[in-house]
Amino acid sequence: MRAIAYERVGPADEVLRLIELPTPEPGPGEVRVRLRCSGVNPSDVKTRGGVRSKELPFPRIVPHSDGAGVIDAVGEGVSPDCVDERVWVWNAAWQRPYGTAAEYVVLPRAQAVPLPGGVDDAVGACLGIPALTAYHAVNCNGGVGGKTVLIAGGAGSVGQYAIQMARYAGASRIITTVSSGEKAAVASSLGADAVVNYRTEPVAQRVLELTDGAGVDRIVEVEFSGNAALDAEVIASGGEIVAYGSDAGQVSIPFFPSIVRNVAIQFFIVYNLTEQDRRRAIAGVTRLLQAGALQHAVAARLPLDRCAEAHSLIERGAVTGNVVLSIGTDDVWQTG
């Protein structure tokens, strides 16, 4: 099979190579998915670039945790009835050497989730990290029903889903931050009640104005290291900061402003959701897909052999939304 792989960390155009690998066979409890699309996430890019570690956990890595395709073979103990089922996959490259940047991937059956009819494969490749992260951030700990929510980075791949999911979860008001007028238009179109441009506006002042000084009940935070001080300024008494990302490993938290307001801070990484939380998030995303309730942002779609370009798009912040690789097709560049 064709696959993209790297054997050392470094720049995408230097370390990512298109190679031939043996087509894997499913073992007990596993399925093999013939992949049609592979989702490229910032975490995939950071891992390949050596942001978190310069040492590889495996001698060779086929990147990307998210993807979509069709089950074409099953291992012992798996019903053959699922063969030909369209699925999306999660955690394909988490603590494993072989992800979805390939023509085939083998996974435990539970990691291949039925993709509702009418949902494009490219969308399926955007669910494992962006959609599940957004769903859990919005709905954990009792959810956001009747609450005012601040979503940091509302035009990002997680942020776009979080705005929509907060709306469907009954948030009373949704505020989001963005970095441009174009991104503000995107966030507004998805249901944000107010959008603050953090490059041109005083964010804390604007958020407090928008909430009559009360602050927000929940913050869905993409960059906790850069926004911890801001979050402490705008969180309401008894509010909650749900942080799923940080550009720095060490974060300074304003302790006194947080403790006097009884602020709760919830950290999570989507790769390590509990089994119960994972089931809840998958079921919730599936319901929204079946209802046609979500808009999806596939900003760029490239063929497998242009994987390095896909990584570069994300590193440069050149797209608003998700980047997807098409596998086994003659797709050309598409945006939208």
C-alpha atoms as a PDB file:
ATOM      1  CA  MET A   1       0.000   0.000   0.000  1.00  0.00           C
ATOM      2  CA  ARG A   2       1.027   3.617  -0.429  1.00  0.00           C
ATOM      3  CA  ALA A   3       1.668   5.556   2.758  1.00  0.00           C
ATOM      4  CA  ILE A   4       3.267   8.743   4.008  1.00  0.00           C
ATOM      5  CA  ALA A   5       5.874   8.146   6.699  1.00  0.00           C
ATOM      6  CA  TYR A   6       8.693   9.813   8.584  1.00  0.00           C
ATOM      7  CA  GLU A   7      11.639   8.399  10.537  1.00  0.00           C
ATOM      8  CA  ARG A   8      12.826  11.592  12.231  1.00  0.00           C
ATOM      9  CA  VAL A   9      11.236  14.859  13.262  1.00  0.00           C
ATOM     10  CA  GLY A  10      11.813  17.972  11.205  1.00  0.00           C
ATOM     11  CA  PRO A  11      10.375  20.167   8.432  1.00  0.00           C
ATOM     12  CA  ALA A  12       7.519  18.541   6.537  1.00  0.00           C
ATOM     13  CA  ASP A  13       9.156  18.761   3.111  1.00  0.00           C
ATOM     14  CA  GLU A  14      12.314  17.128   4.474  1.00  0.00           C
ATOM     15  CA  VAL A  15      10.994  14.230   6.553  1.00  0.00           C
ATOM     16  CA  LEU A  16       7.637  13.191   5.051  1.00  0.00           C
ATOM     17  CA  ARG A  17       8.070  10.580   2.322  1.00  0.00           C
ATOM     18  CA  LEU A  18       5.663   8.609   0.129  1.00  0.00           C
ATOM     19  CA  ILE A  19       6.598   4.941   0.491  1.00  0.00           C
ATOM     20  CA  GLU A  20       5.245   1.439  -0.113  1.00  0.00           C
ATOM     21  CA  LEU A  21       4.343  -0.690   2.901  1.00  0.00           C
ATOM     22  CA  PRO A  22       2.782  -4.153   3.178  1.00  0.00           C
ATOM     23  CA  THR A  23      -1.013  -3.991   3.347  1.00  0.00           C
ATOM     24  CA  PRO A  24      -1.865  -4.770   6.997  1.00  0.00           C
ATOM     25  CA  GLU A  25      -4.122  -7.636   8.053  1.00  0.00           C
ATOM     26  CA  PRO A  26      -6.596  -7.267  10.929  1.00  0.00           C
ATOM     27  CA  GLY A  27      -5.974  -9.272  14.079  1.00  0.00           C
ATOM     28  CA  PRO A  28      -8.499 -10.456  16.686  1.00  0.00           C
ATOM     29  CA  GLY A  29     -11.058  -7.759  17.448  1.00  0.00           C
ATOM     30  CA  GLU A  30      -9.785  -5.531  14.647  1.00  0.00           C
ATOM     31  CA  VAL A  31     -11.058  -4.210  11.340  1.00  0.00           C
ATOM     32  CA  ARG A  32      -9.183  -2.997   8.298  1.00  0.00           C
ATOM     33  CA  VAL A  33     -10.344   0.276   6.794  1.00  0.00           C
ATOM     34  CA  ARG A  34      -9.659   1.146   3.170  1.00  0.00           C
ATOM     35  CA  LEU A  35      -9.148   4.849   3.660  1.00  0.00           C
ATOM     36  CA  ARG A  36     -10.599   7.513   1.417  1.00  0.00           C
ATOM     37  CA  CYS A  37      -9.611  10.574   3.443  1.00  0.00           C
ATOM     38  CA  SER A  38      -7.090  11.417   6.149  1.00  0.00           C
ATOM     39  CA  GLY A  39      -7.558  14.421   8.422  1.00  0.00           C
ATOM     40  CA  VAL A  40      -4.512  16.573   9.182  1.00  0.00           C
ATOM     41  CA  ASN A  41      -4.639  18.181  12.633  1.00  0.00           C
ATOM     42  CA  PRO A  42      -2.336  20.658  14.391  1.00  0.00           C
ATOM     43  CA  SER A  43      -1.317  17.907  16.822  1.00  0.00           C
ATOM     44  CA  ASP A  44      -0.125  15.771  13.884  1.00  0.00           C
ATOM     45  CA  VAL A  45       1.909  18.698  12.598  1.00  0.00           C
ATOM     46  CA  LYS A  46       3.451  19.452  15.996  1.00  0.00           C
ATOM     47  CA  THR A  47       4.402  15.813  16.551  1.00  0.00           C
ATOM     48  CA  ARG A  48       6.091  15.573  13.148  1.00  0.00           C
ATOM     49  CA  GLY A  49       7.878  18.873  13.765  1.00  0.00           C
ATOM     50  CA  GLY A  50       9.263  17.749  17.118  1.00  0.00           C
ATOM     51  CA  VAL A  51       7.450  20.425  19.122  1.00  0.00           C
ATOM     52  CA  ARG A  52       6.721  18.089  22.027  1.00  0.00           C
ATOM     53  CA  SER A  53       9.629  15.666  21.683  1.00  0.00           C
ATOM     54  CA  LYS A  54      12.626  15.204  19.433  1.00  0.00           C
ATOM     55  CA  GLU A  55      12.549  11.453  20.012  1.00  0.00           C
ATOM     56  CA  LEU A  56      10.211   9.215  18.017  1.00  0.00           C
ATOM     57  CA  PRO A  57       8.280   6.563  19.956  1.00  0.00           C
ATOM     58  CA  PHE A  58       8.603   4.216  16.970  1.00  0.00           C
ATOM     59  CA  PRO A  59      11.310   3.838  14.291  1.00  0.00           C
ATOM     60  CA  ARG A  60       8.850   4.823  11.565  1.00  0.00           C
ATOM     61  CA  ILE A  61       5.562   6.709  11.878  1.00  0.00           C
ATOM     62  CA  VAL A  62       2.644   6.923   9.462  1.00  0.00           C
ATOM     63  CA  PRO A  63       0.969  10.101  10.769  1.00  0.00           C
ATOM     64  CA  HIS A  64      -2.589  11.328  11.387  1.00  0.00           C
ATOM     65  CA  SER A  65      -5.172  10.089  13.850  1.00  0.00           C
ATOM     66  CA  ASP A  66      -8.344  10.964  11.922  1.00  0.00           C
ATOM     67  CA  GLY A  67      -9.708   9.447   8.739  1.00  0.00           C
ATOM     68  CA  ALA A  68     -12.680   7.971   6.920  1.00  0.00           C
ATOM     69  CA  GLY A  69     -13.201   5.068   4.567  1.00  0.00           C
ATOM     70  CA  VAL A  70     -14.791   1.638   4.239  1.00  0.00           C
ATOM     71  CA  ILE A  71     -14.237  -1.529   6.281  1.00  0.00           C
ATOM     72  CA  ASP A  72     -12.948  -4.141   3.852  1.00  0.00           C
ATOM     73  CA  ALA A  73     -11.736  -6.930   6.178  1.00  0.00           C
ATOM     74  CA  VAL A  74     -12.281  -8.080   9.753  1.00  0.00           C
ATOM     75  CA  GLY A  75     -10.315 -10.095  12.262  1.00  0.00           C
ATOM     76  CA  GLU A  76     -11.348 -12.973  14.477  1.00  0.00           C
ATOM     77  CA  GLY A  77     -14.273 -12.113  16.724  1.00  0.00           C
ATOM     78  CA  VAL A  78     -15.612  -9.289  14.561  1.00  0.00           C
ATOM     79  CA  SER A  79     -18.865  -9.796  12.683  1.00  0.00           C
ATOM     80  CA  PRO A  80     -18.366  -9.861   8.905  1.00  0.00           C
ATOM     81  CA  ASP A  81     -21.618  -7.921   8.629  1.00  0.00           C
ATOM     82  CA  CYS A  82     -19.635  -4.694   9.029  1.00  0.00           C
ATOM     83  CA  VAL A  83     -17.654  -5.266   5.815  1.00  0.00           C
ATOM     84  CA  ASP A  84     -18.452  -2.484   3.305  1.00  0.00           C
ATOM     85  CA  GLU A  85     -19.594  -0.203   6.125  1.00  0.00           C
ATOM     86  CA  ARG A  86     -18.550   3.443   5.739  1.00  0.00           C
ATOM     87  CA  VAL A  87     -16.769   4.592   8.885  1.00  0.00           C
ATOM     88  CA  TRP A  88     -14.736   7.365  10.466  1.00  0.00           C
ATOM     89  CA  VAL A  89     -11.840   6.531  12.748  1.00  0.00           C
ATOM     90  CA  TRP A  90     -10.286   8.061  15.853  1.00  0.00           C
ATOM     91  CA  ASN A  91      -6.907   7.770  17.635  1.00  0.00           C
ATOM     92  CA  ALA A  92      -5.364   5.876  14.716  1.00  0.00           C
ATOM     93  CA  ALA A  93      -1.902   7.336  15.422  1.00  0.00           C
ATOM     94  CA  TRP A  94      -2.239   7.748  19.193  1.00  0.00           C
ATOM     95  CA  GLN A  95       0.485   5.608  20.805  1.00  0.00           C
ATOM     96  CA  ARG A  96       0.603   3.609  17.557  1.00  0.00           C
ATOM     97  CA  PRO A  97       3.033   3.718  14.614  1.00  0.00           C
ATOM     98  CA  TYR A  98       0.467   3.518  11.820  1.00  0.00           C
ATOM     99  CA  GLY A  99      -2.065   6.306  11.297  1.00  0.00           C
ATOM    100  CA  THR A 100      -4.375   7.282   8.459  1.00  0.00           C
ATOM    101  CA  ALA A 101      -1.915   8.811   5.969  1.00  0.00           C
ATOM    102  CA  ALA A 102      -2.079   5.547   4.041  1.00  0.00           C
ATOM    103  CA  GLU A 103      -4.357   3.500   1.834  1.00  0.00           C
ATOM    104  CA  TYR A 104      -5.271   1.145   4.702  1.00  0.00           C
ATOM    105  CA  VAL A 105      -5.293   1.187   8.486  1.00  0.00           C
ATOM    106  CA  VAL A 106      -6.025  -1.591  10.988  1.00  0.00           C
ATOM    107  CA  LEU A 107      -7.770  -0.652  14.233  1.00  0.00           C
ATOM    108  CA  PRO A 108      -9.839  -2.126  17.074  1.00  0.00           C
ATOM    109  CA  ARG A 109     -13.472  -2.334  15.958  1.00  0.00           C
ATOM    110  CA  ALA A 110     -14.561   0.370  18.410  1.00  0.00           C
ATOM    111  CA  GLN A 111     -12.291   2.899  16.712  1.00  0.00           C
ATOM    112  CA  ALA A 112     -14.185   2.634  13.416  1.00  0.00           C
ATOM    113  CA  VAL A 113     -17.510   4.445  13.848  1.00  0.00           C
ATOM    114  CA  PRO A 114     -20.361   4.221  11.302  1.00  0.00           C
ATOM    115  CA  LEU A 115     -20.549   7.356   9.141  1.00  0.00           C
ATOM    116  CA  PRO A 116     -24.148   8.444   8.549  1.00  0.00           C
ATOM    117  CA  GLY A 117     -25.399   8.386   4.978  1.00  0.00           C
ATOM    118  CA  GLY A 118     -24.955  11.602   3.072  1.00  0.00           C
ATOM    119  CA  VAL A 119     -21.947  12.684   5.136  1.00  0.00           C
ATOM    120  CA  ASP A 120     -18.902  13.167   2.915  1.00  0.00           C
ATOM    121  CA  ASP A 121     -15.716  11.182   3.572  1.00  0.00           C
ATOM    122  CA  ALA A 122     -13.802  14.437   3.947  1.00  0.00           C
ATOM    123  CA  VAL A 123     -16.146  15.435   6.769  1.00  0.00           C
ATOM    124  CA  GLY A 124     -15.668  12.027   8.368  1.00  0.00           C
ATOM    125  CA  ALA A 125     -11.938  12.737   8.477  1.00  0.00           C
ATOM    126  CA  CYS A 126     -12.613  15.852  10.601  1.00  0.00           C
ATOM    127  CA  LEU A 127     -14.502  14.193  13.442  1.00  0.00           C
ATOM    128  CA  GLY A 128     -12.017  12.277  15.585  1.00  0.00           C
ATOM    129  CA  ILE A 129     -10.169  15.293  16.972  1.00  0.00           C
ATOM    130  CA  PRO A 130     -12.027  18.514  16.039  1.00  0.00           C
ATOM    131  CA  ALA A 131     -15.632  17.415  16.518  1.00  0.00           C
ATOM    132  CA  LEU A 132     -15.096  15.187  19.566  1.00  0.00           C
ATOM    133  CA  THR A 133     -12.959  17.854  21.243  1.00  0.00           C
ATOM    134  CA  ALA A 134     -15.638  20.478  20.672  1.00  0.00           C
ATOM    135  CA  TYR A 135     -18.430  18.207  21.858  1.00  0.00           C
ATOM    136  CA  HIS A 136     -16.706  17.286  25.101  1.00  0.00           C
ATOM    137  CA  ALA A 137     -15.595  20.857  25.821  1.00  0.00           C
ATOM    138  CA  VAL A 138     -19.166  22.108  25.408  1.00  0.00           C
ATOM    139  CA  ASN A 139     -21.033  19.270  27.104  1.00  0.00           C
ATOM    140  CA  CYS A 140     -18.794  18.067  29.936  1.00  0.00           C
ATOM    141  CA  ASN A 141     -19.668  18.782  33.560  1.00  0.00           C
ATOM    142  CA  GLY A 142     -23.346  19.429  32.941  1.00  0.00           C
ATOM    143  CA  GLY A 143     -22.963  21.349  29.694  1.00  0.00           C
ATOM    144  CA  VAL A 144     -23.716  24.946  28.809  1.00  0.00           C
ATOM    145  CA  GLY A 145     -27.516  25.078  28.814  1.00  0.00           C
ATOM    146  CA  GLY A 146     -28.613  28.561  29.847  1.00  0.00           C
ATOM    147  CA  LYS A 147     -25.005  29.745  30.215  1.00  0.00           C
ATOM    148  CA  THR A 148     -22.877  32.431  28.609  1.00  0.00           C
ATOM    149  CA  VAL A 149     -19.937  30.867  26.790  1.00  0.00           C
ATOM    150  CA  LEU A 150     -16.674  32.301  25.478  1.00  0.00           C
ATOM    151  CA  ILE A 151     -15.089  30.180  22.748  1.00  0.00           C
ATOM    152  CA  ALA A 152     -11.477  31.097  22.062  1.00  0.00           C
ATOM    153  CA  GLY A 153     -10.516  30.843  18.389  1.00  0.00           C
ATOM    154  CA  GLY A 154     -14.026  30.537  17.008  1.00  0.00           C
ATOM    155  CA  ALA A 155     -12.897  30.186  13.389  1.00  0.00           C
ATOM    156  CA  GLY A 156     -10.579  27.253  14.110  1.00  0.00           C
ATOM    157  CA  SER A 157     -11.449  23.647  13.345  1.00  0.00           C
ATOM    158  CA  VAL A 158     -12.543  22.975  16.941  1.00  0.00           C
ATOM    159  CA  GLY A 159     -13.960  26.454  17.487  1.00  0.00           C
ATOM    160  CA  GLN A 160     -16.340  26.250  14.538  1.00  0.00           C
ATOM    161  CA  TYR A 161     -17.838  23.030  15.846  1.00  0.00           C
ATOM    162  CA  ALA A 162     -17.915  24.382  19.416  1.00  0.00           C
ATOM    163  CA  ILE A 163     -19.983  27.430  18.398  1.00  0.00           C
ATOM    164  CA  GLN A 164     -22.583  25.233  16.720  1.00  0.00           C
ATOM    165  CA  MET A 165     -22.627  22.651  19.507  1.00  0.00           C
ATOM    166  CA  ALA A 166     -22.991  25.321  22.176  1.00  0.00           C
ATOM    167  CA  ARG A 167     -25.982  26.687  20.268  1.00  0.00           C
ATOM    168  CA  TYR A 168     -27.600  23.236  20.081  1.00  0.00           C
ATOM    169  CA  ALA A 169     -26.797  22.625  23.751  1.00  0.00           C
ATOM    170  CA  GLY A 170     -28.848  25.678  24.726  1.00  0.00           C
ATOM    171  CA  ALA A 171     -26.200  28.270  25.593  1.00  0.00           C
ATOM    172  CA  SER A 172     -27.869  31.587  26.327  1.00  0.00           C
ATOM    173  CA  ARG A 173     -25.105  33.610  24.685  1.00  0.00           C
ATOM    174  CA  ILE A 174     -22.025  32.684  22.675  1.00  0.00           C
ATOM    175  CA  ILE A 175     -19.051  35.026  22.452  1.00  0.00           C
ATOM    176  CA  THR A 176     -15.958  34.123  20.477  1.00  0.00           C
ATOM    177  CA  THR A 177     -12.547  35.553  19.649  1.00  0.00           C
ATOM    178  CA  VAL A 178     -10.992  35.672  16.183  1.00  0.00           C
ATOM    179  CA  SER A 179      -8.028  37.310  14.468  1.00  0.00           C
ATOM    180  CA  SER A 180      -9.572  38.859  11.339  1.00  0.00           C
ATOM    181  CA  GLY A 181     -12.732  40.232   9.797  1.00  0.00           C
ATOM    182  CA  GLU A 182     -12.983  37.201   7.522  1.00  0.00           C
ATOM    183  CA  LYS A 183     -12.881  34.870  10.508  1.00  0.00           C
ATOM    184  CA  ALA A 184     -15.410  37.033  12.334  1.00  0.00           C
ATOM    185  CA  ALA A 185     -17.842  36.539   9.457  1.00  0.00           C
ATOM    186  CA  VAL A 186     -17.344  32.764   9.670  1.00  0.00           C
ATOM    187  CA  ALA A 187     -17.979  32.684  13.420  1.00  0.00           C
ATOM    188  CA  SER A 188     -21.072  34.858  13.117  1.00  0.00           C
ATOM    189  CA  SER A 189     -22.503  32.687  10.349  1.00  0.00           C
ATOM    190  CA  LEU A 190     -22.220  29.645  12.621  1.00  0.00           C
ATOM    191  CA  GLY A 191     -24.208  31.208  15.447  1.00  0.00           C
ATOM    192  CA  ALA A 192     -21.883  33.337  17.561  1.00  0.00           C
ATOM    193  CA  ASP A 193     -23.817  36.202  19.159  1.00  0.00           C
ATOM    194  CA  ALA A 194     -20.761  38.423  19.496  1.00  0.00           C
ATOM    195  CA  VAL A 195     -17.296  38.264  17.963  1.00  0.00           C
ATOM    196  CA  VAL A 196     -14.199  40.016  19.333  1.00  0.00           C
ATOM    197  CA  ASN A 197     -11.119  40.539  17.178  1.00  0.00           C
ATOM    198  CA  TYR A 198      -8.244  39.952  19.585  1.00  0.00           C
ATOM    199  CA  ARG A 199      -5.775  41.685  17.274  1.00  0.00           C
ATOM    200  CA  THR A 200      -7.624  45.002  17.225  1.00  0.00           C
ATOM    201  CA  GLU A 201      -9.883  45.062  20.311  1.00  0.00           C
ATOM    202  CA  PRO A 202      -9.299  44.919  24.090  1.00  0.00           C
ATOM    203  CA  VAL A 203     -10.731  41.454  24.635  1.00  0.00           C
ATOM    204  CA  ALA A 204     -11.306  41.550  28.394  1.00  0.00           C
ATOM    205  CA  GLN A 205     -12.973  44.944  28.212  1.00  0.00           C
ATOM    206  CA  ARG A 206     -15.229  43.888  25.359  1.00  0.00           C
ATOM    207  CA  VAL A 207     -16.254  40.612  26.986  1.00  0.00           C
ATOM    208  CA  LEU A 208     -17.115  42.352  30.248  1.00  0.00           C
ATOM    209  CA  GLU A 209     -19.093  44.977  28.349  1.00  0.00           C
ATOM    210  CA  LEU A 210     -21.000  42.254  26.520  1.00  0.00           C
ATOM    211  CA  THR A 211     -21.867  40.545  29.813  1.00  0.00           C
ATOM    212  CA  ASP A 212     -22.684  43.727  31.779  1.00  0.00           C
ATOM    213  CA  GLY A 213     -19.633  43.116  33.938  1.00  0.00           C
ATOM    214  CA  ALA A 214     -20.692  39.633  35.050  1.00  0.00           C
ATOM    215  CA  GLY A 215     -18.247  37.663  32.901  1.00  0.00           C
ATOM    216  CA  VAL A 216     -18.837  34.348  31.156  1.00  0.00           C
ATOM    217  CA  ASP A 217     -19.905  31.070  32.727  1.00  0.00           C
ATOM    218  CA  ARG A 218     -17.678  28.824  30.617  1.00  0.00           C
ATOM    219  CA  ILE A 219     -14.579  29.400  28.525  1.00  0.00           C
ATOM    220  CA  VAL A 220     -13.659  26.836  25.861  1.00  0.00           C
ATOM    221  CA  GLU A 221      -9.930  27.475  25.649  1.00  0.00           C
ATOM    222  CA  VAL A 222      -7.620  26.565  22.765  1.00  0.00           C
ATOM    223  CA  GLU A 223      -4.473  28.327  24.069  1.00  0.00           C
ATOM    224  CA  PHE A 224      -4.371  28.350  27.839  1.00  0.00           C
ATOM    225  CA  SER A 225      -0.743  29.495  28.175  1.00  0.00           C
ATOM    226  CA  GLY A 226      -1.434  32.683  26.249  1.00  0.00           C
ATOM    227  CA  ASN A 227      -4.912  33.340  27.623  1.00  0.00           C
ATOM    228  CA  ALA A 228      -4.771  32.308  31.293  1.00  0.00           C
ATOM    229  CA  ALA A 229      -4.596  35.895  32.542  1.00  0.00           C
ATOM    230  CA  LEU A 230      -7.385  37.008  30.210  1.00  0.00           C
ATOM    231  CA  ASP A 231      -9.538  34.059  31.226  1.00  0.00           C
ATOM    232  CA  ALA A 232      -9.152  34.975  34.897  1.00  0.00           C
ATOM    233  CA  GLU A 233     -10.373  38.495  34.102  1.00  0.00           C
ATOM    234  CA  VAL A 234     -13.525  37.505  32.248  1.00  0.00           C
ATOM    235  CA  ILE A 235     -14.693  34.321  33.973  1.00  0.00           C
ATOM    236  CA  ALA A 236     -17.810  34.714  36.108  1.00  0.00           C
ATOM    237  CA  SER A 237     -18.077  33.746  39.758  1.00  0.00           C
ATOM    238  CA  GLY A 238     -18.473  29.970  39.859  1.00  0.00           C
ATOM    239  CA  GLY A 239     -17.466  29.744  36.211  1.00  0.00           C
ATOM    240  CA  GLU A 240     -15.416  27.080  34.494  1.00  0.00           C
ATOM    241  CA  ILE A 241     -12.443  27.197  32.136  1.00  0.00           C
ATOM    242  CA  VAL A 242     -12.297  24.111  29.909  1.00  0.00           C
ATOM    243  CA  ALA A 243      -8.841  23.996  28.354  1.00  0.00           C
ATOM    244  CA  TYR A 244      -8.006  21.542  25.588  1.00  0.00           C
ATOM    245  CA  GLY A 245      -4.864  23.202  24.222  1.00  0.00           C
ATOM    246  CA  SER A 246      -1.790  25.217  25.162  1.00  0.00           C
ATOM    247  CA  ASP A 247       1.208  26.352  23.163  1.00  0.00           C
ATOM    248  CA  ALA A 248       3.456  26.112  26.227  1.00  0.00           C
ATOM    249  CA  GLY A 249       3.937  23.252  28.640  1.00  0.00           C
ATOM    250  CA  GLN A 250       4.149  25.507  31.705  1.00  0.00           C
ATOM    251  CA  VAL A 251       1.351  27.955  32.470  1.00  0.00           C
ATOM    252  CA  SER A 252       1.174  30.698  35.090  1.00  0.00           C
ATOM    253  CA  ILE A 253      -2.342  30.855  36.546  1.00  0.00           C
ATOM    254  CA  PRO A 254      -3.645  33.984  38.303  1.00  0.00           C
ATOM    255  CA  PHE A 255      -4.440  32.286  41.596  1.00  0.00           C
ATOM    256  CA  PHE A 256      -6.094  34.991  43.698  1.00  0.00           C
ATOM    257  CA  PRO A 257      -8.590  36.236  41.050  1.00  0.00           C
ATOM    258  CA  SER A 258      -9.505  32.621  40.375  1.00  0.00           C
ATOM    259  CA  ILE A 259      -9.925  31.439  43.942  1.00  0.00           C
ATOM    260  CA  VAL A 260     -12.068  34.369  45.064  1.00  0.00           C
ATOM    261  CA  ARG A 261     -14.474  33.576  42.224  1.00  0.00           C
ATOM    262  CA  ASN A 262     -14.492  29.812  42.898  1.00  0.00           C
ATOM    263  CA  VAL A 263     -13.315  29.163  39.359  1.00  0.00           C
ATOM    264  CA  ALA A 264     -12.993  25.567  38.173  1.00  0.00           C
ATOM    265  CA  ILE A 265     -10.371  24.628  35.585  1.00  0.00           C
ATOM    266  CA  GLN A 266     -10.966  21.486  33.530  1.00  0.00           C
ATOM    267  CA  PHE A 267      -8.090  20.140  31.458  1.00  0.00           C
ATOM    268  CA  PHE A 268      -8.568  17.374  28.917  1.00  0.00           C
ATOM    269  CA  ILE A 269      -6.994  15.920  25.828  1.00  0.00           C
ATOM    270  CA  VAL A 270      -9.313  14.200  23.386  1.00  0.00           C
ATOM    271  CA  TYR A 271      -6.953  11.230  22.955  1.00  0.00           C
ATOM    272  CA  ASN A 272      -7.413  10.294  26.613  1.00  0.00           C
ATOM    273  CA  LEU A 273     -11.153  10.686  27.115  1.00  0.00           C
ATOM    274  CA  THR A 274     -12.612   8.106  29.453  1.00  0.00           C
ATOM    275  CA  GLU A 275     -14.596   5.338  27.829  1.00  0.00           C
ATOM    276  CA  GLN A 276     -17.833   6.854  29.143  1.00  0.00           C
ATOM    277  CA  ASP A 277     -16.985  10.344  27.881  1.00  0.00           C
ATOM    278  CA  ARG A 278     -15.874   8.954  24.519  1.00  0.00           C
ATOM    279  CA  ARG A 279     -19.146   7.049  24.063  1.00  0.00           C
ATOM    280  CA  ARG A 280     -21.131  10.132  24.994  1.00  0.00           C
ATOM    281  CA  ALA A 281     -19.222  12.334  22.573  1.00  0.00           C
ATOM    282  CA  ILE A 282     -19.452   9.856  19.698  1.00  0.00           C
ATOM    283  CA  ALA A 283     -23.182   9.411  20.267  1.00  0.00           C
ATOM    284  CA  GLY A 284     -23.709  13.169  20.426  1.00  0.00           C
ATOM    285  CA  VAL A 285     -21.743  13.886  17.267  1.00  0.00           C
ATOM    286  CA  THR A 286     -23.562  11.056  15.487  1.00  0.00           C
ATOM    287  CA  ARG A 287     -26.959  12.527  16.421  1.00  0.00           C
ATOM    288  CA  LEU A 288     -25.944  15.929  15.081  1.00  0.00           C
ATOM    289  CA  LEU A 289     -24.665  14.378  11.848  1.00  0.00           C
ATOM    290  CA  GLN A 290     -27.821  12.354  11.346  1.00  0.00           C
ATOM    291  CA  ALA A 291     -29.917  15.492  11.874  1.00  0.00           C
ATOM    292  CA  GLY A 292     -27.827  17.461   9.386  1.00  0.00           C
ATOM    293  CA  ALA A 293     -27.322  19.995  12.157  1.00  0.00           C
ATOM    294  CA  LEU A 294     -23.666  20.833  11.561  1.00  0.00           C
ATOM    295  CA  GLN A 295     -21.852  22.923   9.012  1.00  0.00           C
ATOM    296  CA  HIS A 296     -18.381  21.602   8.227  1.00  0.00           C
ATOM    297  CA  ALA A 297     -15.269  23.505   7.215  1.00  0.00           C
ATOM    298  CA  VAL A 298     -13.066  21.474   4.883  1.00  0.00           C
ATOM    299  CA  ALA A 299     -10.817  24.352   3.904  1.00  0.00           C
ATOM    300  CA  ALA A 300      -8.368  22.421   1.725  1.00  0.00           C
ATOM    301  CA  ARG A 301      -8.283  18.953   0.188  1.00  0.00           C
ATOM    302  CA  LEU A 302      -5.075  17.555  -1.290  1.00  0.00           C
ATOM    303  CA  PRO A 303      -3.967  14.179  -2.633  1.00  0.00           C
ATOM    304  CA  LEU A 304      -1.896  11.895  -0.415  1.00  0.00           C
ATOM    305  CA  ASP A 305       1.402  12.691  -2.119  1.00  0.00           C
ATOM    306  CA  ARG A 306       1.005  16.374  -1.198  1.00  0.00           C
ATOM    307  CA  CYS A 307       0.980  15.656   2.523  1.00  0.00           C
ATOM    308  CA  ALA A 308       3.898  18.012   3.167  1.00  0.00           C
ATOM    309  CA  GLU A 309       1.899  20.864   1.634  1.00  0.00           C
ATOM    310  CA  ALA A 310      -1.026  20.020   3.896  1.00  0.00           C
ATOM    311  CA  HIS A 311       1.224  20.221   6.973  1.00  0.00           C
ATOM    312  CA  SER A 312       2.623  23.526   5.744  1.00  0.00           C
ATOM    313  CA  LEU A 313      -0.864  25.023   5.363  1.00  0.00           C
ATOM    314  CA  ILE A 314      -1.584  24.313   9.014  1.00  0.00           C
ATOM    315  CA  GLU A 315       1.796  25.518  10.257  1.00  0.00           C
ATOM    316  CA  ARG A 316       1.421  28.804   8.400  1.00  0.00           C
ATOM    317  CA  GLY A 317      -2.178  29.312   9.501  1.00  0.00           C
ATOM    318  CA  ALA A 318      -3.047  29.631   5.827  1.00  0.00           C
ATOM    319  CA  VAL A 319      -6.537  28.108   6.025  1.00  0.00           C
ATOM    320  CA  THR A 320      -9.665  28.591   8.114  1.00  0.00           C
ATOM    321  CA  GLY A 321     -10.940  25.117   8.921  1.00  0.00           C
ATOM    322  CA  ASN A 322      -9.787  21.556   8.345  1.00  0.00           C
ATOM    323  CA  VAL A 323      -7.186  20.171   5.943  1.00  0.00           C
ATOM    324  CA  VAL A 324      -7.848  16.744   4.450  1.00  0.00           C
ATOM    325  CA  LEU A 325      -5.877  14.341   2.252  1.00  0.00           C
ATOM    326  CA  SER A 326      -7.768  12.367  -0.398  1.00  0.00           C
ATOM    327  CA  ILE A 327      -6.504   8.826  -0.818  1.00  0.00           C
ATOM    328  CA  GLY A 328      -6.837   6.629  -3.882  1.00  0.00           C
ATOM    329  CA  THR A 329      -8.458   9.349  -5.984  1.00  0.00           C
ATOM    330  CA  ASP A 330      -7.372  11.883  -8.564  1.00  0.00           C
ATOM    331  CA  ASP A 331      -8.628  14.827  -6.517  1.00  0.00           C
ATOM    332  CA  VAL A 332      -6.986  18.152  -7.168  1.00  0.00           C
ATOM    333  CA  TRP A 333      -6.726  21.115  -4.845  1.00  0.00           C
ATOM    334  CA  GLN A 334     -10.071  22.220  -3.534  1.00  0.00           C
ATOM    335  CA  THR A 335     -10.954  24.942  -1.079  1.00  0.00           C
ATOM    336  CA  GLY A 336     -14.141  26.006   0.529  1.00  0.00           C
END
